């Protein structure tokens, strides 16, 4: 991230804790672009065009069954969980905004509290992934290309 000056996750978290302000507030446009890219990379709705089971006769939905299908679906869900962790770490990983002490955790209760806060934020992002899947229709290919080329690339530049 540009604000932290590094792509190391620990540096990004430390910089957010030092300033007391989450990166989502300092770079809201970058947050939106990264979230949309996370949706697209995780192949979640509305970006799951190649895997739309309703439009496919062949593909992995008809090729796999049982344990093979379960392993494929677990891999897709883990992709979503990793994207959610990255979204949280890049945007708001420094605990509760402005209330996190900088430095090492002093005891196991503080470490546990930090882990619980991080997991709660990840669960909120995953819930947002689920709400988006339930509420937004799929994009057509032309709409997806228009969003990518005319909106996301200029915003990310």
N, C-alpha and C. Protein backbone atom coordinates (compact mmCIF):
# COMPACT_ATOMS: atom_id res chain seq x y z
N UNK A 1 0.84 -1.17 0.00
CA UNK A 1 0.00 0.00 0.00
C UNK A 1 0.89 1.23 0.00
N UNK A 2 0.42 2.25 -0.67
CA UNK A 2 1.19 3.48 -0.83
C UNK A 2 1.38 4.21 0.49
N UNK A 3 0.40 4.15 1.36
CA UNK A 3 0.49 4.87 2.63
C UNK A 3 1.56 4.26 3.52
N UNK A 4 1.67 2.94 3.54
CA UNK A 4 2.65 2.27 4.39
C UNK A 4 4.04 2.30 3.77
N UNK A 5 4.14 2.43 2.46
CA UNK A 5 5.44 2.43 1.80
C UNK A 5 6.04 1.06 1.65
N UNK A 6 5.25 0.01 1.86
CA UNK A 6 5.74 -1.35 1.77
C UNK A 6 4.58 -2.29 1.47
N UNK A 7 4.91 -3.47 0.97
CA UNK A 7 3.88 -4.49 0.78
C UNK A 7 3.96 -5.59 1.85
N UNK A 8 4.85 -5.42 2.81
CA UNK A 8 4.93 -6.39 3.91
C UNK A 8 3.74 -6.17 4.83
N UNK A 9 3.06 -7.26 5.15
CA UNK A 9 1.84 -7.16 5.94
C UNK A 9 2.10 -6.60 7.34
N UNK A 10 3.21 -6.98 7.96
CA UNK A 10 3.48 -6.46 9.30
C UNK A 10 3.77 -4.96 9.27
N UNK A 11 4.40 -4.46 8.21
CA UNK A 11 4.66 -3.03 8.10
C UNK A 11 3.35 -2.27 7.90
N UNK A 12 2.46 -2.82 7.08
CA UNK A 12 1.16 -2.17 6.84
C UNK A 12 0.36 -2.08 8.14
N UNK A 13 0.34 -3.16 8.91
CA UNK A 13 -0.38 -3.17 10.18
C UNK A 13 0.25 -2.19 11.17
N UNK A 14 1.58 -2.17 11.22
CA UNK A 14 2.27 -1.27 12.14
C UNK A 14 2.01 0.18 11.79
N UNK A 15 2.04 0.52 10.52
CA UNK A 15 1.81 1.91 10.11
C UNK A 15 0.38 2.36 10.45
N UNK A 16 -0.57 1.45 10.29
CA UNK A 16 -1.94 1.79 10.67
C UNK A 16 -2.04 2.00 12.18
N UNK A 17 -1.32 1.19 12.94
CA UNK A 17 -1.36 1.33 14.40
C UNK A 17 -0.63 2.60 14.85
N UNK A 18 0.46 2.95 14.16
CA UNK A 18 1.20 4.17 14.53
C UNK A 18 0.35 5.42 14.32
N UNK A 19 -0.32 5.50 13.18
CA UNK A 19 -1.11 6.69 12.89
C UNK A 19 -2.46 6.68 13.59
N UNK A 20 -2.98 5.51 13.90
CA UNK A 20 -4.29 5.41 14.53
C UNK A 20 -5.44 5.54 13.55
N UNK A 21 -5.13 5.60 12.26
CA UNK A 21 -6.15 5.74 11.22
C UNK A 21 -6.03 4.56 10.26
N UNK A 22 -7.15 3.92 9.97
CA UNK A 22 -7.13 2.81 9.02
C UNK A 22 -6.87 3.30 7.62
N UNK A 23 -6.31 2.41 6.80
CA UNK A 23 -6.04 2.75 5.40
C UNK A 23 -7.33 2.95 4.60
N UNK A 24 -8.43 2.39 5.05
CA UNK A 24 -9.69 2.57 4.33
C UNK A 24 -10.12 4.03 4.36
N UNK A 25 -9.71 4.77 5.38
CA UNK A 25 -10.05 6.18 5.46
C UNK A 25 -9.05 7.05 4.70
N UNK A 26 -7.80 6.62 4.62
CA UNK A 26 -6.81 7.40 3.90
C UNK A 26 -6.83 7.12 2.40
N UNK A 27 -7.24 5.93 2.00
CA UNK A 27 -7.33 5.56 0.59
C UNK A 27 -8.65 4.83 0.30
N UNK A 28 -9.77 5.54 0.32
CA UNK A 28 -11.05 4.86 0.09
C UNK A 28 -11.18 4.30 -1.33
N UNK A 29 -10.65 4.99 -2.31
CA UNK A 29 -10.75 4.50 -3.69
C UNK A 29 -9.92 3.23 -3.89
N UNK A 30 -8.75 3.19 -3.28
CA UNK A 30 -7.94 1.98 -3.33
C UNK A 30 -8.62 0.81 -2.65
N UNK A 31 -9.33 1.09 -1.57
CA UNK A 31 -10.09 0.04 -0.87
C UNK A 31 -11.18 -0.53 -1.77
N UNK A 32 -11.91 0.35 -2.47
CA UNK A 32 -12.99 -0.10 -3.35
C UNK A 32 -12.42 -0.93 -4.50
N UNK A 33 -11.33 -0.45 -5.11
CA UNK A 33 -10.72 -1.19 -6.22
C UNK A 33 -10.22 -2.55 -5.75
N UNK A 34 -9.59 -2.60 -4.56
CA UNK A 34 -9.09 -3.87 -4.05
C UNK A 34 -10.23 -4.83 -3.72
N UNK A 35 -11.33 -4.32 -3.16
CA UNK A 35 -12.48 -5.19 -2.86
C UNK A 35 -13.09 -5.76 -4.13
N UNK A 36 -13.24 -4.94 -5.14
CA UNK A 36 -13.80 -5.43 -6.41
C UNK A 36 -12.86 -6.45 -7.03
N UNK A 37 -11.54 -6.18 -6.97
CA UNK A 37 -10.57 -7.14 -7.49
C UNK A 37 -10.60 -8.44 -6.69
N UNK A 38 -10.83 -8.34 -5.37
CA UNK A 38 -10.95 -9.54 -4.55
C UNK A 38 -12.16 -10.37 -4.92
N UNK A 39 -13.28 -9.69 -5.17
CA UNK A 39 -14.47 -10.39 -5.65
C UNK A 39 -14.19 -11.10 -6.96
N UNK A 40 -13.56 -10.40 -7.89
CA UNK A 40 -13.31 -10.97 -9.22
C UNK A 40 -12.32 -12.12 -9.13
N UNK A 41 -11.27 -11.96 -8.33
CA UNK A 41 -10.26 -13.02 -8.22
C UNK A 41 -10.81 -14.25 -7.52
N UNK A 42 -11.68 -14.06 -6.58
CA UNK A 42 -12.28 -15.20 -5.88
C UNK A 42 -13.39 -15.86 -6.69
N UNK A 43 -13.67 -15.29 -7.88
CA UNK A 43 -14.71 -15.82 -8.79
C UNK A 43 -16.06 -15.91 -8.10
N UNK A 44 -16.35 -14.91 -7.29
CA UNK A 44 -17.64 -14.84 -6.63
C UNK A 44 -18.61 -14.05 -7.49
N UNK A 45 -19.88 -14.28 -7.28
CA UNK A 45 -20.90 -13.53 -7.98
C UNK A 45 -20.71 -12.05 -7.67
N UNK A 46 -20.79 -11.17 -8.57
CA UNK A 46 -21.26 -11.22 -9.94
C UNK A 46 -20.17 -11.49 -10.97
N UNK A 47 -18.99 -11.92 -10.56
CA UNK A 47 -17.87 -12.11 -11.48
C UNK A 47 -17.61 -13.58 -11.81
N UNK A 48 -18.53 -14.47 -11.59
CA UNK A 48 -18.30 -15.90 -11.81
C UNK A 48 -18.82 -16.34 -13.17
N UNK A 49 -18.52 -15.61 -14.21
CA UNK A 49 -19.06 -15.90 -15.53
C UNK A 49 -18.68 -17.29 -16.06
N UNK A 50 -17.43 -17.72 -16.01
CA UNK A 50 -17.12 -19.03 -16.56
C UNK A 50 -17.71 -20.19 -15.77
N UNK A 51 -18.03 -19.97 -14.50
CA UNK A 51 -18.52 -21.05 -13.65
C UNK A 51 -20.02 -20.97 -13.38
N UNK A 52 -20.74 -20.23 -14.20
CA UNK A 52 -22.18 -20.12 -13.98
C UNK A 52 -22.84 -21.47 -14.30
N UNK A 53 -23.18 -22.20 -13.26
CA UNK A 53 -23.66 -23.56 -13.45
C UNK A 53 -24.98 -23.64 -14.22
N UNK A 54 -25.75 -22.56 -14.22
CA UNK A 54 -27.02 -22.59 -14.93
C UNK A 54 -26.82 -22.55 -16.45
N UNK A 55 -25.72 -21.94 -16.91
CA UNK A 55 -25.49 -21.81 -18.34
C UNK A 55 -24.59 -22.89 -18.91
N UNK A 56 -24.02 -23.73 -18.10
CA UNK A 56 -23.05 -24.72 -18.57
C UNK A 56 -23.67 -26.11 -18.62
N UNK A 57 -23.36 -26.81 -19.68
CA UNK A 57 -23.73 -28.22 -19.75
C UNK A 57 -22.55 -29.05 -19.28
N UNK A 58 -21.36 -28.68 -19.69
CA UNK A 58 -20.14 -29.34 -19.23
C UNK A 58 -19.52 -28.51 -18.14
N UNK A 59 -18.28 -28.81 -17.83
CA UNK A 59 -17.58 -28.04 -16.82
C UNK A 59 -17.45 -28.82 -15.54
N UNK A 60 -16.93 -28.16 -14.53
CA UNK A 60 -16.61 -28.89 -13.31
C UNK A 60 -17.85 -29.32 -12.55
N UNK A 61 -19.01 -28.67 -12.77
CA UNK A 61 -20.22 -29.08 -12.05
C UNK A 61 -20.73 -30.44 -12.51
N UNK A 62 -20.52 -30.76 -13.77
CA UNK A 62 -20.94 -32.08 -14.26
C UNK A 62 -19.81 -33.09 -14.25
N UNK A 63 -18.56 -32.62 -14.21
CA UNK A 63 -17.42 -33.53 -14.25
C UNK A 63 -17.09 -34.12 -12.88
N UNK A 64 -17.25 -33.31 -11.85
CA UNK A 64 -16.87 -33.76 -10.52
C UNK A 64 -18.10 -34.08 -9.68
N UNK A 65 -17.93 -35.02 -8.79
CA UNK A 65 -18.98 -35.33 -7.82
C UNK A 65 -18.30 -35.88 -6.57
N UNK A 66 -19.03 -35.87 -5.49
CA UNK A 66 -18.52 -36.44 -4.26
C UNK A 66 -17.36 -35.66 -3.67
N UNK A 67 -16.30 -36.38 -3.32
CA UNK A 67 -15.15 -35.78 -2.65
C UNK A 67 -14.41 -34.81 -3.57
N UNK A 68 -14.34 -35.12 -4.85
CA UNK A 68 -13.65 -34.22 -5.78
C UNK A 68 -14.36 -32.87 -5.86
N UNK A 69 -15.66 -32.88 -5.91
CA UNK A 69 -16.42 -31.63 -5.94
C UNK A 69 -16.29 -30.90 -4.60
N UNK A 70 -16.29 -31.63 -3.51
CA UNK A 70 -16.14 -31.02 -2.21
C UNK A 70 -14.78 -30.34 -2.08
N UNK A 71 -13.72 -30.96 -2.56
CA UNK A 71 -12.39 -30.37 -2.49
C UNK A 71 -12.31 -29.11 -3.35
N UNK A 72 -12.96 -29.14 -4.50
CA UNK A 72 -12.98 -27.96 -5.36
C UNK A 72 -13.73 -26.81 -4.69
N UNK A 73 -14.86 -27.09 -4.09
CA UNK A 73 -15.64 -26.06 -3.42
C UNK A 73 -14.91 -25.52 -2.18
N UNK A 74 -14.24 -26.40 -1.43
CA UNK A 74 -13.47 -25.94 -0.27
C UNK A 74 -12.35 -25.01 -0.73
N UNK A 75 -11.71 -25.33 -1.85
CA UNK A 75 -10.66 -24.45 -2.37
C UNK A 75 -11.24 -23.10 -2.76
N UNK A 76 -12.42 -23.07 -3.36
CA UNK A 76 -13.06 -21.79 -3.70
C UNK A 76 -13.39 -20.97 -2.46
N UNK A 77 -13.90 -21.63 -1.42
CA UNK A 77 -14.23 -20.91 -0.20
C UNK A 77 -12.96 -20.43 0.52
N UNK A 78 -11.89 -21.20 0.47
CA UNK A 78 -10.63 -20.75 1.07
C UNK A 78 -10.07 -19.56 0.32
N UNK A 79 -10.29 -19.52 -0.99
CA UNK A 79 -9.88 -18.36 -1.78
C UNK A 79 -10.63 -17.12 -1.29
N UNK A 80 -11.90 -17.28 -0.99
CA UNK A 80 -12.70 -16.17 -0.48
C UNK A 80 -12.21 -15.74 0.92
N UNK A 81 -11.87 -16.69 1.77
CA UNK A 81 -11.40 -16.38 3.11
C UNK A 81 -10.05 -15.66 3.05
N UNK A 82 -9.16 -16.10 2.18
CA UNK A 82 -7.86 -15.43 2.05
C UNK A 82 -8.04 -14.02 1.51
N UNK A 83 -8.94 -13.85 0.53
CA UNK A 83 -9.22 -12.50 0.02
C UNK A 83 -9.78 -11.62 1.13
N UNK A 84 -10.63 -12.16 1.99
CA UNK A 84 -11.19 -11.39 3.10
C UNK A 84 -10.09 -11.00 4.09
N UNK A 85 -9.18 -11.93 4.40
CA UNK A 85 -8.06 -11.59 5.29
C UNK A 85 -7.21 -10.47 4.70
N UNK A 86 -6.91 -10.54 3.39
CA UNK A 86 -6.10 -9.50 2.77
C UNK A 86 -6.82 -8.16 2.76
N UNK A 87 -8.12 -8.18 2.50
CA UNK A 87 -8.89 -6.93 2.52
C UNK A 87 -8.82 -6.30 3.92
N UNK A 88 -8.97 -7.12 4.95
CA UNK A 88 -8.94 -6.59 6.32
C UNK A 88 -7.53 -6.10 6.66
N UNK A 89 -6.51 -6.86 6.33
CA UNK A 89 -5.15 -6.46 6.69
C UNK A 89 -4.75 -5.18 5.95
N UNK A 90 -5.09 -5.08 4.68
CA UNK A 90 -4.70 -3.89 3.92
C UNK A 90 -5.50 -2.66 4.31
N UNK A 91 -6.70 -2.85 4.85
CA UNK A 91 -7.54 -1.68 5.07
C UNK A 91 -7.77 -1.34 6.54
N UNK A 92 -7.90 -2.33 7.41
CA UNK A 92 -8.29 -2.00 8.80
C UNK A 92 -7.76 -2.98 9.83
N UNK A 93 -6.53 -3.43 9.68
CA UNK A 93 -6.04 -4.49 10.57
C UNK A 93 -5.52 -4.00 11.90
N UNK A 94 -5.47 -2.69 12.12
CA UNK A 94 -4.83 -2.17 13.33
C UNK A 94 -5.80 -2.11 14.51
N UNK A 95 -6.54 -3.15 14.72
CA UNK A 95 -7.44 -3.20 15.88
C UNK A 95 -8.64 -2.28 15.72
N UNK A 96 -9.08 -1.74 16.81
CA UNK A 96 -10.21 -0.82 16.80
C UNK A 96 -9.65 0.56 16.48
N UNK A 97 -10.21 1.22 15.51
CA UNK A 97 -9.63 2.46 14.95
C UNK A 97 -9.31 3.48 16.05
N UNK A 98 -8.02 3.81 16.18
CA UNK A 98 -7.60 4.82 17.13
C UNK A 98 -7.47 4.32 18.56
N UNK A 99 -7.92 3.12 18.86
CA UNK A 99 -7.91 2.65 20.24
C UNK A 99 -6.88 1.55 20.48
N UNK A 100 -6.11 1.20 19.46
CA UNK A 100 -5.15 0.11 19.60
C UNK A 100 -3.82 0.66 20.10
N UNK A 101 -3.27 0.04 21.13
CA UNK A 101 -1.94 0.44 21.61
C UNK A 101 -0.89 -0.08 20.66
N UNK A 102 0.11 0.72 20.43
CA UNK A 102 1.21 0.30 19.58
C UNK A 102 2.19 -0.51 20.42
N UNK A 103 2.75 -1.52 19.83
CA UNK A 103 3.76 -2.30 20.52
C UNK A 103 3.33 -3.75 20.67
N UNK A 104 4.14 -4.48 21.37
CA UNK A 104 3.88 -5.89 21.57
C UNK A 104 2.73 -6.09 22.54
N UNK A 105 2.04 -7.19 22.34
CA UNK A 105 0.97 -7.54 23.27
C UNK A 105 1.58 -7.90 24.63
N UNK A 106 0.97 -7.43 25.69
CA UNK A 106 1.55 -7.63 27.02
C UNK A 106 1.13 -8.94 27.66
N UNK A 107 0.05 -9.51 27.23
CA UNK A 107 -0.39 -10.76 27.84
C UNK A 107 -1.24 -11.56 26.86
N UNK A 108 -1.58 -12.75 27.29
CA UNK A 108 -2.33 -13.61 26.38
C UNK A 108 -3.75 -13.10 26.17
N UNK A 109 -4.30 -12.36 27.12
CA UNK A 109 -5.64 -11.80 26.94
C UNK A 109 -5.64 -10.74 25.83
N UNK A 110 -4.60 -9.92 25.79
CA UNK A 110 -4.51 -8.90 24.75
C UNK A 110 -4.30 -9.53 23.38
N UNK A 111 -3.48 -10.57 23.33
CA UNK A 111 -3.28 -11.28 22.07
C UNK A 111 -4.60 -11.89 21.61
N UNK A 112 -5.31 -12.52 22.53
CA UNK A 112 -6.60 -13.12 22.21
C UNK A 112 -7.60 -12.08 21.73
N UNK A 113 -7.62 -10.92 22.38
CA UNK A 113 -8.52 -9.85 21.97
C UNK A 113 -8.20 -9.36 20.56
N UNK A 114 -6.91 -9.22 20.24
CA UNK A 114 -6.51 -8.79 18.89
C UNK A 114 -6.92 -9.81 17.83
N UNK A 115 -6.75 -11.09 18.15
CA UNK A 115 -7.14 -12.14 17.21
C UNK A 115 -8.65 -12.15 17.02
N UNK A 116 -9.40 -11.97 18.09
CA UNK A 116 -10.87 -11.95 18.00
C UNK A 116 -11.33 -10.76 17.16
N UNK A 117 -10.71 -9.59 17.35
CA UNK A 117 -11.08 -8.41 16.56
C UNK A 117 -10.78 -8.65 15.09
N UNK A 118 -9.60 -9.22 14.79
CA UNK A 118 -9.25 -9.51 13.40
C UNK A 118 -10.23 -10.50 12.77
N UNK A 119 -10.56 -11.56 13.49
CA UNK A 119 -11.49 -12.55 12.95
C UNK A 119 -12.90 -11.98 12.79
N UNK A 120 -13.31 -11.09 13.69
CA UNK A 120 -14.62 -10.46 13.54
C UNK A 120 -14.67 -9.60 12.28
N UNK A 121 -13.59 -8.88 12.01
CA UNK A 121 -13.55 -8.08 10.78
C UNK A 121 -13.57 -8.96 9.54
N UNK A 122 -12.85 -10.07 9.59
CA UNK A 122 -12.86 -11.00 8.45
C UNK A 122 -14.25 -11.58 8.25
N UNK A 123 -14.94 -11.91 9.33
CA UNK A 123 -16.29 -12.44 9.21
C UNK A 123 -17.25 -11.41 8.61
N UNK A 124 -17.06 -10.13 8.94
CA UNK A 124 -17.89 -9.08 8.34
C UNK A 124 -17.65 -9.00 6.84
N UNK A 125 -16.39 -9.11 6.40
CA UNK A 125 -16.08 -9.08 4.98
C UNK A 125 -16.67 -10.30 4.28
N UNK A 126 -16.58 -11.47 4.90
CA UNK A 126 -17.16 -12.69 4.31
C UNK A 126 -18.68 -12.55 4.24
N UNK A 127 -19.29 -11.97 5.26
CA UNK A 127 -20.73 -11.73 5.21
C UNK A 127 -21.09 -10.79 4.06
N UNK A 128 -20.24 -9.78 3.83
CA UNK A 128 -20.46 -8.90 2.68
C UNK A 128 -20.33 -9.66 1.37
N UNK A 129 -19.36 -10.58 1.27
CA UNK A 129 -19.24 -11.46 0.10
C UNK A 129 -20.55 -12.23 -0.11
N UNK A 130 -21.10 -12.76 0.96
CA UNK A 130 -22.34 -13.54 0.85
C UNK A 130 -23.52 -12.67 0.45
N UNK A 131 -23.65 -11.50 1.07
CA UNK A 131 -24.75 -10.59 0.71
C UNK A 131 -24.65 -10.17 -0.75
N UNK A 132 -23.45 -9.94 -1.23
CA UNK A 132 -23.27 -9.56 -2.63
C UNK A 132 -23.70 -10.71 -3.54
N UNK A 133 -23.37 -11.92 -3.16
CA UNK A 133 -23.77 -13.08 -3.98
C UNK A 133 -25.29 -13.24 -4.00
N UNK A 134 -25.93 -12.95 -2.90
CA UNK A 134 -27.38 -13.12 -2.81
C UNK A 134 -28.14 -12.00 -3.51
N UNK A 135 -27.54 -10.82 -3.62
CA UNK A 135 -28.34 -9.67 -4.06
C UNK A 135 -28.00 -9.13 -5.45
N UNK A 136 -26.80 -9.32 -5.95
CA UNK A 136 -26.44 -8.74 -7.25
C UNK A 136 -26.56 -9.77 -8.35
N UNK A 137 -27.11 -9.39 -9.50
CA UNK A 137 -27.15 -10.32 -10.64
C UNK A 137 -25.77 -10.41 -11.29
N UNK A 138 -25.59 -11.46 -12.11
CA UNK A 138 -24.34 -11.61 -12.84
C UNK A 138 -24.18 -10.55 -13.90
N UNK A 139 -22.94 -10.15 -14.13
CA UNK A 139 -22.65 -9.25 -15.23
C UNK A 139 -22.58 -10.04 -16.52
N UNK A 140 -22.98 -9.40 -17.62
CA UNK A 140 -22.71 -9.96 -18.94
C UNK A 140 -21.24 -9.70 -19.25
N UNK A 141 -20.72 -10.39 -20.27
CA UNK A 141 -19.31 -10.20 -20.60
C UNK A 141 -19.02 -8.76 -21.00
N UNK A 142 -19.90 -8.13 -21.76
CA UNK A 142 -19.66 -6.75 -22.17
C UNK A 142 -19.70 -5.80 -20.98
N UNK A 143 -20.58 -6.05 -20.02
CA UNK A 143 -20.62 -5.21 -18.82
C UNK A 143 -19.35 -5.39 -17.98
N UNK A 144 -18.88 -6.63 -17.90
CA UNK A 144 -17.67 -6.91 -17.14
C UNK A 144 -16.46 -6.22 -17.76
N UNK A 145 -16.35 -6.28 -19.08
CA UNK A 145 -15.24 -5.61 -19.77
C UNK A 145 -15.33 -4.09 -19.60
N UNK A 146 -16.53 -3.55 -19.65
CA UNK A 146 -16.70 -2.12 -19.47
C UNK A 146 -16.30 -1.69 -18.06
N UNK A 147 -16.69 -2.47 -17.06
CA UNK A 147 -16.31 -2.15 -15.68
C UNK A 147 -14.80 -2.21 -15.53
N UNK A 148 -14.20 -3.25 -16.09
CA UNK A 148 -12.76 -3.41 -15.95
C UNK A 148 -11.96 -2.33 -16.66
N UNK A 149 -12.29 -2.08 -17.92
CA UNK A 149 -11.48 -1.16 -18.72
C UNK A 149 -11.84 0.30 -18.51
N UNK A 150 -13.10 0.61 -18.30
CA UNK A 150 -13.51 2.00 -18.20
C UNK A 150 -13.63 2.53 -16.78
N UNK A 151 -13.70 1.64 -15.80
CA UNK A 151 -13.87 2.10 -14.43
C UNK A 151 -12.68 1.70 -13.55
N UNK A 152 -12.40 0.40 -13.45
CA UNK A 152 -11.41 -0.07 -12.50
C UNK A 152 -9.98 0.33 -12.87
N UNK A 153 -9.60 0.24 -14.12
CA UNK A 153 -8.23 0.61 -14.51
C UNK A 153 -7.99 2.10 -14.30
N UNK A 154 -8.88 3.00 -14.75
CA UNK A 154 -8.63 4.42 -14.43
C UNK A 154 -8.62 4.71 -12.93
N UNK A 155 -9.48 4.07 -12.15
CA UNK A 155 -9.49 4.30 -10.71
C UNK A 155 -8.18 3.80 -10.07
N UNK A 156 -7.70 2.66 -10.54
CA UNK A 156 -6.48 2.08 -9.97
C UNK A 156 -5.22 2.78 -10.42
N UNK A 157 -5.30 3.58 -11.45
CA UNK A 157 -4.13 4.26 -11.96
C UNK A 157 -3.77 5.36 -11.03
